[in-house]
């Protein structure tokens, strides 16, 4: 059995679905960040799969490196925000953060 484009797209769709489910159901800020990372990894997998199986397209690996850099910077900034929120509110649960002005 040869692994084709459909297999990669199926795995990417499962990753995207799990990431979306995680973002929608988690109340913990770190859990939401993990869901966003799953969504970005699904997009990166799609880019690499299309670059490998479709000829004449723009290099998917360039976009994937951009996504990895974007995910790393997103994780660093988001974790800094989570640490600041925890320092001020002593909780990282998103349902308890109702007043962010102070």
C-alpha atoms as a PDB file:
ATOM      1  CA  UNK A   1       0.000   0.000   0.000  1.00  0.00           C
ATOM      2  CA  UNK A   2       1.378   3.342  -1.020  1.00  0.00           C
ATOM      3  CA  UNK A   3       0.841   6.382   1.151  1.00  0.00           C
ATOM      4  CA  UNK A   4      -0.681   9.113  -0.990  1.00  0.00           C
ATOM      5  CA  UNK A   5      -1.924  12.648  -0.694  1.00  0.00           C
ATOM      6  CA  UNK A   6      -5.292  11.535   0.678  1.00  0.00           C
ATOM      7  CA  UNK A   7      -3.612   9.915   3.668  1.00  0.00           C
ATOM      8  CA  UNK A   8      -1.698  13.065   4.542  1.00  0.00           C
ATOM      9  CA  UNK A   9      -4.814  15.184   4.144  1.00  0.00           C
ATOM     10  CA  UNK A  10      -6.749  12.806   6.386  1.00  0.00           C
ATOM     11  CA  UNK A  11      -4.133  13.056   9.140  1.00  0.00           C
ATOM     12  CA  UNK A  12      -4.082  16.850   8.753  1.00  0.00           C
ATOM     13  CA  UNK A  13      -7.884  16.977   8.963  1.00  0.00           C
ATOM     14  CA  UNK A  14      -7.842  14.880  12.139  1.00  0.00           C
ATOM     15  CA  UNK A  15      -5.171  17.154  13.650  1.00  0.00           C
ATOM     16  CA  UNK A  16      -7.177  20.228  12.693  1.00  0.00           C
ATOM     17  CA  UNK A  17     -10.373  18.756  14.136  1.00  0.00           C
ATOM     18  CA  UNK A  18      -8.675  17.808  17.398  1.00  0.00           C
ATOM     19  CA  UNK A  19      -7.137  21.270  17.636  1.00  0.00           C
ATOM     20  CA  UNK A  20     -10.475  22.948  17.009  1.00  0.00           C
ATOM     21  CA  UNK A  21     -12.170  20.701  19.562  1.00  0.00           C
ATOM     22  CA  UNK A  22      -9.446  21.509  22.079  1.00  0.00           C
ATOM     23  CA  UNK A  23      -9.790  25.257  21.540  1.00  0.00           C
ATOM     24  CA  UNK A  24     -13.575  25.115  21.900  1.00  0.00           C
ATOM     25  CA  UNK A  25     -13.764  22.867  24.968  1.00  0.00           C
ATOM     26  CA  UNK A  26     -10.813  23.861  27.158  1.00  0.00           C
ATOM     27  CA  UNK A  27     -11.111  26.493  29.843  1.00  0.00           C
ATOM     28  CA  UNK A  28      -7.429  26.398  30.683  1.00  0.00           C
ATOM     29  CA  UNK A  29      -5.298  28.904  28.763  1.00  0.00           C
ATOM     30  CA  UNK A  30      -2.461  26.436  28.220  1.00  0.00           C
ATOM     31  CA  UNK A  31      -4.908  23.887  26.789  1.00  0.00           C
ATOM     32  CA  UNK A  32      -6.195  26.485  24.354  1.00  0.00           C
ATOM     33  CA  UNK A  33      -2.620  27.225  23.272  1.00  0.00           C
ATOM     34  CA  UNK A  34      -2.023  23.524  22.648  1.00  0.00           C
ATOM     35  CA  UNK A  35      -5.124  23.447  20.436  1.00  0.00           C
ATOM     36  CA  UNK A  36      -3.822  26.382  18.404  1.00  0.00           C
ATOM     37  CA  UNK A  37      -0.501  24.560  17.985  1.00  0.00           C
ATOM     38  CA  UNK A  38      -2.344  21.493  16.665  1.00  0.00           C
ATOM     39  CA  UNK A  39      -4.163  23.656  14.123  1.00  0.00           C
ATOM     40  CA  UNK A  40      -0.896  25.212  12.950  1.00  0.00           C
ATOM     41  CA  UNK A  41       0.732  21.768  12.659  1.00  0.00           C
ATOM     42  CA  UNK A  42      -2.190  20.588  10.517  1.00  0.00           C
ATOM     43  CA  UNK A  43      -1.656  23.529   8.170  1.00  0.00           C
ATOM     44  CA  UNK A  44       2.076  22.802   7.978  1.00  0.00           C
ATOM     45  CA  UNK A  45       1.399  19.145   7.165  1.00  0.00           C
ATOM     46  CA  UNK A  46      -0.941  20.204   4.342  1.00  0.00           C
ATOM     47  CA  UNK A  47       1.702  22.499   2.865  1.00  0.00           C
ATOM     48  CA  UNK A  48       4.375  19.803   2.899  1.00  0.00           C
ATOM     49  CA  UNK A  49       2.010  17.180   1.483  1.00  0.00           C
ATOM     50  CA  UNK A  50       0.909  19.402  -1.393  1.00  0.00           C
ATOM     51  CA  UNK A  51       4.509  20.382  -2.100  1.00  0.00           C
ATOM     52  CA  UNK A  52       5.469  16.713  -2.330  1.00  0.00           C
ATOM     53  CA  UNK A  53       2.562  15.432  -4.423  1.00  0.00           C
ATOM     54  CA  UNK A  54       1.651  18.423  -6.640  1.00  0.00           C
ATOM     55  CA  UNK A  55       4.277  19.570  -9.090  1.00  0.00           C
ATOM     56  CA  UNK A  56       4.735  23.134 -10.251  1.00  0.00           C
ATOM     57  CA  UNK A  57       3.519  24.731  -7.042  1.00  0.00           C
ATOM     58  CA  UNK A  58       5.212  27.075  -4.658  1.00  0.00           C
ATOM     59  CA  UNK A  59       7.539  25.300  -2.293  1.00  0.00           C
ATOM     60  CA  UNK A  60       5.475  24.126   0.683  1.00  0.00           C
ATOM     61  CA  UNK A  61       8.560  23.774   2.819  1.00  0.00           C
ATOM     62  CA  UNK A  62       9.086  27.536   2.756  1.00  0.00           C
ATOM     63  CA  UNK A  63       5.566  28.065   4.072  1.00  0.00           C
ATOM     64  CA  UNK A  64       6.095  25.324   6.645  1.00  0.00           C
ATOM     65  CA  UNK A  65       9.218  26.984   8.013  1.00  0.00           C
ATOM     66  CA  UNK A  66       7.245  30.226   8.213  1.00  0.00           C
ATOM     67  CA  UNK A  67       4.476  28.412  10.125  1.00  0.00           C
ATOM     68  CA  UNK A  68       7.006  26.896  12.543  1.00  0.00           C
ATOM     69  CA  UNK A  69       8.536  30.316  13.210  1.00  0.00           C
ATOM     70  CA  UNK A  70       5.053  31.782  13.655  1.00  0.00           C
ATOM     71  CA  UNK A  71       4.082  28.980  16.063  1.00  0.00           C
ATOM     72  CA  UNK A  72       7.241  29.430  18.123  1.00  0.00           C
ATOM     73  CA  UNK A  73       6.745  33.178  18.436  1.00  0.00           C
ATOM     74  CA  UNK A  74       3.040  32.682  19.211  1.00  0.00           C
ATOM     75  CA  UNK A  75       3.898  30.217  21.951  1.00  0.00           C
ATOM     76  CA  UNK A  76       6.481  32.533  23.514  1.00  0.00           C
ATOM     77  CA  UNK A  77       4.186  35.573  23.497  1.00  0.00           C
ATOM     78  CA  UNK A  78       1.140  33.619  24.663  1.00  0.00           C
ATOM     79  CA  UNK A  79       3.018  31.978  27.535  1.00  0.00           C
ATOM     80  CA  UNK A  80       4.296  35.395  28.619  1.00  0.00           C
ATOM     81  CA  UNK A  81       0.694  36.634  28.639  1.00  0.00           C
ATOM     82  CA  UNK A  82      -0.416  33.552  30.602  1.00  0.00           C
ATOM     83  CA  UNK A  83       2.322  34.127  33.191  1.00  0.00           C
ATOM     84  CA  UNK A  84       1.316  37.774  33.554  1.00  0.00           C
ATOM     85  CA  UNK A  85      -2.350  36.823  33.949  1.00  0.00           C
ATOM     86  CA  UNK A  86      -1.444  34.198  36.548  1.00  0.00           C
ATOM     87  CA  UNK A  87       0.682  36.707  38.443  1.00  0.00           C
ATOM     88  CA  UNK A  88      -2.214  39.169  38.604  1.00  0.00           C
ATOM     89  CA  UNK A  89      -5.230  36.851  39.003  1.00  0.00           C
ATOM     90  CA  UNK A  90      -3.707  33.635  40.479  1.00  0.00           C
ATOM     91  CA  UNK A  91      -5.571  31.594  37.862  1.00  0.00           C
ATOM     92  CA  UNK A  92      -5.185  30.710  34.197  1.00  0.00           C
ATOM     93  CA  UNK A  93      -8.757  29.511  33.762  1.00  0.00           C
ATOM     94  CA  UNK A  94     -10.337  31.623  31.023  1.00  0.00           C
ATOM     95  CA  UNK A  95     -13.827  31.595  32.550  1.00  0.00           C
ATOM     96  CA  UNK A  96     -12.524  33.335  35.684  1.00  0.00           C
ATOM     97  CA  UNK A  97     -10.943  36.218  33.746  1.00  0.00           C
ATOM     98  CA  UNK A  98     -13.811  38.644  33.445  1.00  0.00           C
ATOM     99  CA  UNK A  99     -12.064  41.950  34.124  1.00  0.00           C
ATOM    100  CA  UNK A 100      -8.817  42.541  32.249  1.00  0.00           C
ATOM    101  CA  UNK A 101      -8.746  46.346  32.497  1.00  0.00           C
ATOM    102  CA  UNK A 102      -6.961  46.559  35.837  1.00  0.00           C
END
